[in-house]
Structure formats: C-alpha cells, structure tokens
Amino acid sequence: QVQLVESGGGLVQAGGSLKLSCVASEIIFRINTMYWYRQAPGKQRAFIARTGTGASTNYAESVKGRFTISRDNAKTTLYLQMNSLTPEDAAIYYCAAGPSGRQPRYWGQGTQVTVSS
C-alpha cells in the first residue's frame, strides 16, 4: 500500500510557527525523494521543499531561511518546520513522494494552514 498522511495544519497568527508532519509507509520513504508543495486559492500548486534519501535538500526561494524540511527515518516521517509565517503562506500543504529527478508520483490529502494578520 502507498499512503502519505499529513498533519499539523491549523490557524496561526502572523509571525508564528507551525510544524507539519507526513507519515509514509517504509518502502515509500526508503526509495523515494520526499517533497512539500502548497496550493493557495486561485493559484497553482507550488513546490516548497525537497529532501532526498540522503541528506540533500532544496527549497523554493520564497521560503528559504524560514522553512526547514527534515526526515526521521526511524519513524518514516517527513517534517516541515515553518517559522515567521505570513498571510502569503496560507495554503493547503501537501506531502508528496517520487523518484529523484522526476515529478512526484504519490500525494497526501493535504493539511490546511491559515495565517491571520
């Protein structure tokens, strides 16, 4: 079975922080690059961050220095630590997985992040 389950979204005041989690099956976590995307109302789904099966990471310019992607291999869990949140960060955040260098193949259900000003 392939499954990605996000959690941790909610309502936060501007300037605050949230930490998102994504639990994946062991085989998916082991063989795939993991991603975070987000989609705001009226906009296309946008890449936020990536981490490979090793230590490699990559971030969208809009979140560099504020967001941190990490993975816990023992728990087969992906994280996104989000700091200094602004209303522009409000979106549905999606966990995704897929082969390195290709478009993500598997997607979670998404978790809503709302930022109040």
N, C-alpha and C. Protein backbone atom coordinates (compact mmCIF):
# COMPACT_ATOMS: atom_id res chain seq x y z
N GLN A 1 0.85 -1.17 0.00
CA GLN A 1 0.00 0.00 0.00
C GLN A 1 0.89 1.24 0.00
N VAL A 2 0.46 2.24 -0.73
CA VAL A 2 1.16 3.53 -0.74
C VAL A 2 0.23 4.54 -0.09
N GLN A 3 0.76 5.24 0.90
CA GLN A 3 -0.05 6.19 1.63
C GLN A 3 0.84 7.26 2.26
N LEU A 4 0.41 8.50 2.14
CA LEU A 4 1.05 9.64 2.78
C LEU A 4 -0.03 10.38 3.56
N VAL A 5 0.21 10.63 4.83
CA VAL A 5 -0.78 11.26 5.69
C VAL A 5 -0.16 12.46 6.37
N GLU A 6 -0.66 13.65 6.01
CA GLU A 6 -0.17 14.90 6.60
C GLU A 6 -0.96 15.24 7.86
N SER A 7 -0.32 15.99 8.75
CA SER A 7 -0.97 16.53 9.92
C SER A 7 -0.21 17.76 10.38
N GLY A 8 -0.80 18.52 11.29
CA GLY A 8 -0.13 19.66 11.89
C GLY A 8 -0.61 21.01 11.42
N GLY A 9 -1.48 21.05 10.43
CA GLY A 9 -2.01 22.32 9.97
C GLY A 9 -2.95 22.94 10.99
N GLY A 10 -3.28 24.20 10.75
CA GLY A 10 -4.19 24.89 11.65
C GLY A 10 -4.11 26.39 11.46
N LEU A 11 -4.63 27.11 12.44
CA LEU A 11 -4.66 28.56 12.42
C LEU A 11 -3.52 29.11 13.26
N VAL A 12 -2.76 30.04 12.70
CA VAL A 12 -1.65 30.64 13.41
C VAL A 12 -1.61 32.14 13.10
N GLN A 13 -1.17 32.93 14.06
CA GLN A 13 -1.05 34.36 13.86
C GLN A 13 0.22 34.67 13.06
N ALA A 14 0.19 35.74 12.28
CA ALA A 14 1.37 36.15 11.53
C ALA A 14 2.57 36.28 12.46
N GLY A 15 3.70 35.77 12.01
CA GLY A 15 4.91 35.75 12.81
C GLY A 15 5.10 34.48 13.61
N GLY A 16 4.08 33.66 13.67
CA GLY A 16 4.14 32.43 14.43
C GLY A 16 4.73 31.28 13.64
N SER A 17 4.65 30.09 14.25
CA SER A 17 5.27 28.90 13.68
C SER A 17 4.31 27.72 13.71
N LEU A 18 4.51 26.81 12.77
CA LEU A 18 3.83 25.53 12.74
C LEU A 18 4.81 24.47 12.26
N LYS A 19 4.59 23.24 12.70
CA LYS A 19 5.38 22.12 12.22
C LYS A 19 4.44 21.07 11.64
N LEU A 20 4.58 20.81 10.35
CA LEU A 20 3.79 19.82 9.66
C LEU A 20 4.50 18.47 9.67
N SER A 21 3.71 17.40 9.70
CA SER A 21 4.25 16.05 9.65
C SER A 21 3.59 15.27 8.52
N CYS A 22 4.32 14.30 7.99
CA CYS A 22 3.80 13.42 6.95
C CYS A 22 4.33 12.02 7.22
N VAL A 23 3.44 11.11 7.56
CA VAL A 23 3.81 9.73 7.83
C VAL A 23 3.67 8.92 6.55
N ALA A 24 4.71 8.19 6.19
CA ALA A 24 4.73 7.39 4.97
C ALA A 24 5.02 5.94 5.29
N SER A 25 4.62 5.05 4.40
CA SER A 25 4.99 3.65 4.54
C SER A 25 6.50 3.51 4.38
N GLU A 26 7.07 2.47 4.96
CA GLU A 26 8.53 2.32 4.97
C GLU A 26 9.10 2.22 3.57
N ILE A 27 8.48 1.45 2.68
CA ILE A 27 9.04 1.26 1.36
C ILE A 27 9.01 2.56 0.56
N ILE A 28 7.94 3.33 0.70
CA ILE A 28 7.85 4.61 0.00
C ILE A 28 8.91 5.57 0.52
N PHE A 29 9.07 5.61 1.83
CA PHE A 29 10.04 6.50 2.44
C PHE A 29 11.46 6.14 2.03
N ARG A 30 11.75 4.87 1.89
CA ARG A 30 13.11 4.40 1.62
C ARG A 30 13.54 4.67 0.18
N ILE A 31 12.66 4.52 -0.79
CA ILE A 31 13.07 4.54 -2.19
C ILE A 31 12.77 5.86 -2.90
N ASN A 32 12.11 6.78 -2.27
CA ASN A 32 11.66 7.99 -2.94
C ASN A 32 12.22 9.27 -2.33
N THR A 33 12.36 10.26 -3.18
CA THR A 33 12.54 11.62 -2.72
C THR A 33 11.22 12.14 -2.16
N MET A 34 11.29 12.91 -1.09
CA MET A 34 10.10 13.43 -0.44
C MET A 34 10.01 14.94 -0.66
N TYR A 35 8.77 15.43 -0.78
CA TYR A 35 8.52 16.82 -1.13
C TYR A 35 7.42 17.42 -0.28
N TRP A 36 7.48 18.74 -0.14
CA TRP A 36 6.34 19.53 0.30
C TRP A 36 5.94 20.50 -0.81
N TYR A 37 4.66 20.55 -1.12
CA TYR A 37 4.07 21.52 -2.02
C TYR A 37 2.98 22.27 -1.28
N ARG A 38 2.54 23.39 -1.85
CA ARG A 38 1.39 24.09 -1.30
C ARG A 38 0.56 24.69 -2.42
N GLN A 39 -0.73 24.89 -2.15
CA GLN A 39 -1.63 25.47 -3.11
C GLN A 39 -2.55 26.45 -2.41
N ALA A 40 -2.43 27.72 -2.78
CA ALA A 40 -3.28 28.77 -2.26
C ALA A 40 -4.48 28.96 -3.18
N PRO A 41 -5.58 29.54 -2.67
CA PRO A 41 -6.75 29.75 -3.52
C PRO A 41 -6.43 30.56 -4.77
N GLY A 42 -6.87 30.07 -5.93
CA GLY A 42 -6.65 30.77 -7.19
C GLY A 42 -5.27 30.62 -7.77
N LYS A 43 -4.41 29.82 -7.15
CA LYS A 43 -3.05 29.65 -7.63
C LYS A 43 -2.77 28.17 -7.90
N GLN A 44 -1.75 27.92 -8.71
CA GLN A 44 -1.36 26.54 -8.99
C GLN A 44 -0.56 25.97 -7.83
N ARG A 45 -0.52 24.66 -7.76
CA ARG A 45 0.27 24.00 -6.73
C ARG A 45 1.75 24.31 -6.95
N ALA A 46 2.44 24.72 -5.88
CA ALA A 46 3.81 25.19 -5.98
C ALA A 46 4.76 24.36 -5.12
N PHE A 47 5.93 24.10 -5.65
CA PHE A 47 6.98 23.41 -4.92
C PHE A 47 7.47 24.26 -3.76
N ILE A 48 7.66 23.63 -2.61
CA ILE A 48 8.15 24.32 -1.43
C ILE A 48 9.53 23.80 -1.00
N ALA A 49 9.66 22.48 -0.87
CA ALA A 49 10.91 21.92 -0.38
C ALA A 49 11.03 20.46 -0.77
N ARG A 50 12.27 19.98 -0.83
CA ARG A 50 12.56 18.60 -1.21
C ARG A 50 13.69 18.06 -0.35
N THR A 51 13.64 16.77 -0.06
CA THR A 51 14.77 16.09 0.55
C THR A 51 14.90 14.70 -0.06
N GLY A 52 16.13 14.33 -0.40
CA GLY A 52 16.40 13.03 -0.99
C GLY A 52 16.52 11.95 0.07
N THR A 53 16.85 10.75 -0.39
CA THR A 53 17.03 9.64 0.54
C THR A 53 18.28 9.81 1.39
N GLY A 54 19.19 10.69 0.94
CA GLY A 54 20.35 11.06 1.72
C GLY A 54 20.09 12.33 2.49
N ALA A 55 21.06 13.22 2.47
CA ALA A 55 20.97 14.47 3.23
C ALA A 55 20.67 15.68 2.37
N SER A 56 20.45 15.49 1.08
CA SER A 56 20.23 16.62 0.19
C SER A 56 18.89 17.30 0.46
N THR A 57 18.87 18.63 0.35
CA THR A 57 17.65 19.41 0.49
C THR A 57 17.62 20.50 -0.56
N ASN A 58 16.42 20.98 -0.87
CA ASN A 58 16.25 22.08 -1.80
C ASN A 58 14.98 22.82 -1.41
N TYR A 59 14.99 24.16 -1.55
CA TYR A 59 13.87 24.99 -1.13
C TYR A 59 13.49 25.98 -2.22
N ALA A 60 12.21 26.31 -2.25
CA ALA A 60 11.76 27.44 -3.05
C ALA A 60 12.33 28.72 -2.46
N GLU A 61 12.63 29.69 -3.31
CA GLU A 61 13.22 30.93 -2.85
C GLU A 61 12.33 31.65 -1.84
N SER A 62 11.03 31.52 -1.98
CA SER A 62 10.10 32.23 -1.12
C SER A 62 10.12 31.76 0.33
N VAL A 63 10.67 30.57 0.59
CA VAL A 63 10.66 30.05 1.96
C VAL A 63 12.05 29.82 2.52
N LYS A 64 13.09 30.09 1.76
CA LYS A 64 14.45 29.90 2.24
C LYS A 64 14.70 30.74 3.49
N GLY A 65 15.30 30.13 4.49
CA GLY A 65 15.59 30.81 5.73
C GLY A 65 14.46 30.79 6.73
N ARG A 66 13.26 30.42 6.30
CA ARG A 66 12.10 30.37 7.19
C ARG A 66 11.58 28.95 7.40
N PHE A 67 11.62 28.12 6.36
CA PHE A 67 11.12 26.76 6.43
C PHE A 67 12.28 25.78 6.42
N THR A 68 12.12 24.66 7.13
CA THR A 68 13.13 23.62 7.16
C THR A 68 12.47 22.27 6.94
N ILE A 69 12.93 21.54 5.94
CA ILE A 69 12.44 20.18 5.69
C ILE A 69 13.40 19.20 6.34
N SER A 70 12.86 18.15 6.93
CA SER A 70 13.69 17.12 7.55
C SER A 70 12.95 15.80 7.51
N ARG A 71 13.67 14.72 7.77
CA ARG A 71 13.06 13.40 7.78
C ARG A 71 13.61 12.57 8.92
N ASP A 72 12.74 11.78 9.53
CA ASP A 72 13.10 10.85 10.58
C ASP A 72 12.93 9.46 10.00
N ASN A 73 14.04 8.82 9.67
CA ASN A 73 13.97 7.53 9.00
C ASN A 73 13.40 6.43 9.90
N ALA A 74 13.68 6.50 11.20
CA ALA A 74 13.16 5.50 12.12
C ALA A 74 11.64 5.56 12.20
N LYS A 75 11.07 6.77 12.11
CA LYS A 75 9.62 6.94 12.18
C LYS A 75 8.97 7.02 10.80
N THR A 76 9.77 6.93 9.74
CA THR A 76 9.30 7.11 8.36
C THR A 76 8.38 8.33 8.26
N THR A 77 8.86 9.44 8.80
CA THR A 77 8.07 10.66 8.87
C THR A 77 8.85 11.84 8.29
N LEU A 78 8.18 12.62 7.48
CA LEU A 78 8.70 13.85 6.90
C LEU A 78 8.15 15.03 7.67
N TYR A 79 8.96 16.07 7.86
CA TYR A 79 8.54 17.25 8.60
C TYR A 79 8.78 18.51 7.79
N LEU A 80 7.98 19.52 8.08
CA LEU A 80 8.23 20.86 7.57
C LEU A 80 8.04 21.84 8.72
N GLN A 81 9.15 22.38 9.22
CA GLN A 81 9.11 23.40 10.24
C GLN A 81 8.95 24.75 9.56
N MET A 82 7.90 25.48 9.89
CA MET A 82 7.59 26.76 9.27
C MET A 82 7.64 27.85 10.33
N ASN A 83 8.53 28.81 10.14
CA ASN A 83 8.70 29.92 11.06
C ASN A 83 8.40 31.24 10.36
N SER A 84 8.16 32.28 11.14
CA SER A 84 7.91 33.62 10.63
C SER A 84 6.82 33.62 9.56
N LEU A 85 5.72 32.98 9.85
CA LEU A 85 4.65 32.82 8.88
C LEU A 85 3.97 34.15 8.57
N THR A 86 3.58 34.31 7.32
CA THR A 86 2.86 35.49 6.85
C THR A 86 1.56 35.04 6.20
N PRO A 87 0.61 35.97 5.99
CA PRO A 87 -0.62 35.59 5.31
C PRO A 87 -0.39 34.99 3.92
N GLU A 88 0.72 35.33 3.27
CA GLU A 88 1.03 34.76 1.96
C GLU A 88 1.38 33.28 2.04
N ASP A 89 1.66 32.77 3.23
CA ASP A 89 1.95 31.36 3.40
C ASP A 89 0.69 30.52 3.57
N ALA A 90 -0.46 31.14 3.71
CA ALA A 90 -1.70 30.41 3.88
C ALA A 90 -2.00 29.59 2.63
N ALA A 91 -2.25 28.30 2.81
CA ALA A 91 -2.47 27.40 1.69
C ALA A 91 -2.78 26.01 2.23
N ILE A 92 -3.16 25.13 1.33
CA ILE A 92 -3.19 23.71 1.65
C ILE A 92 -1.80 23.16 1.35
N TYR A 93 -1.22 22.50 2.33
CA TYR A 93 0.12 21.95 2.19
C TYR A 93 0.04 20.45 1.95
N TYR A 94 0.78 19.98 0.94
CA TYR A 94 0.74 18.59 0.53
C TYR A 94 2.11 17.94 0.66
N CYS A 95 2.13 16.76 1.21
CA CYS A 95 3.29 15.89 1.20
C CYS A 95 3.26 15.07 -0.09
N ALA A 96 4.43 14.83 -0.69
CA ALA A 96 4.50 14.06 -1.93
C ALA A 96 5.76 13.22 -1.95
N ALA A 97 5.76 12.20 -2.80
CA ALA A 97 6.89 11.30 -2.93
C ALA A 97 7.05 10.86 -4.38
N GLY A 98 8.30 10.62 -4.80
CA GLY A 98 8.54 10.15 -6.15
C GLY A 98 10.02 9.93 -6.41
N PRO A 99 10.33 9.34 -7.57
CA PRO A 99 11.73 9.10 -7.91
C PRO A 99 12.52 10.39 -8.04
N SER A 100 13.77 10.34 -7.67
CA SER A 100 14.63 11.51 -7.75
C SER A 100 14.69 12.03 -9.17
N GLY A 101 14.57 13.34 -9.32
CA GLY A 101 14.68 13.97 -10.62
C GLY A 101 13.42 13.94 -11.47
N ARG A 102 12.33 13.42 -10.92
CA ARG A 102 11.08 13.34 -11.65
C ARG A 102 9.95 13.98 -10.86
N GLN A 103 8.79 14.14 -11.50
CA GLN A 103 7.63 14.67 -10.82
C GLN A 103 7.15 13.71 -9.75
N PRO A 104 6.65 14.24 -8.62
CA PRO A 104 6.15 13.35 -7.58
C PRO A 104 5.07 12.41 -8.09
N ARG A 105 5.10 11.18 -7.62
CA ARG A 105 4.16 10.17 -8.05
C ARG A 105 3.01 9.99 -7.07
N TYR A 106 3.29 10.18 -5.77
CA TYR A 106 2.29 9.95 -4.73
C TYR A 106 2.06 11.23 -3.96
N TRP A 107 0.81 11.44 -3.56
CA TRP A 107 0.41 12.66 -2.86
C TRP A 107 -0.43 12.35 -1.64
N GLY A 108 -0.25 13.14 -0.60
CA GLY A 108 -1.12 13.06 0.55
C GLY A 108 -2.40 13.85 0.33
N GLN A 109 -3.25 13.87 1.34
CA GLN A 109 -4.56 14.52 1.23
C GLN A 109 -4.50 16.02 1.45
N GLY A 110 -3.42 16.50 2.02
CA GLY A 110 -3.26 17.92 2.29
C GLY A 110 -3.69 18.30 3.69
N THR A 111 -3.08 19.35 4.22
CA THR A 111 -3.46 19.90 5.51
C THR A 111 -3.51 21.43 5.39
N GLN A 112 -4.56 22.03 5.93
CA GLN A 112 -4.80 23.45 5.76
C GLN A 112 -4.00 24.27 6.75
N VAL A 113 -3.31 25.29 6.24
CA VAL A 113 -2.60 26.26 7.07
C VAL A 113 -3.24 27.62 6.83
N THR A 114 -3.72 28.24 7.90
CA THR A 114 -4.33 29.56 7.83
C THR A 114 -3.53 30.51 8.70
N VAL A 115 -3.19 31.67 8.16
CA VAL A 115 -2.38 32.66 8.87
C VAL A 115 -3.19 33.94 8.99
N SER A 116 -3.42 34.39 10.21
CA SER A 116 -4.18 35.61 10.45
C SER A 116 -3.23 36.78 10.65
N SER A 117 -3.66 37.97 10.23
CA SER A 117 -2.86 39.17 10.38
C SER A 117 -3.50 40.16 11.33
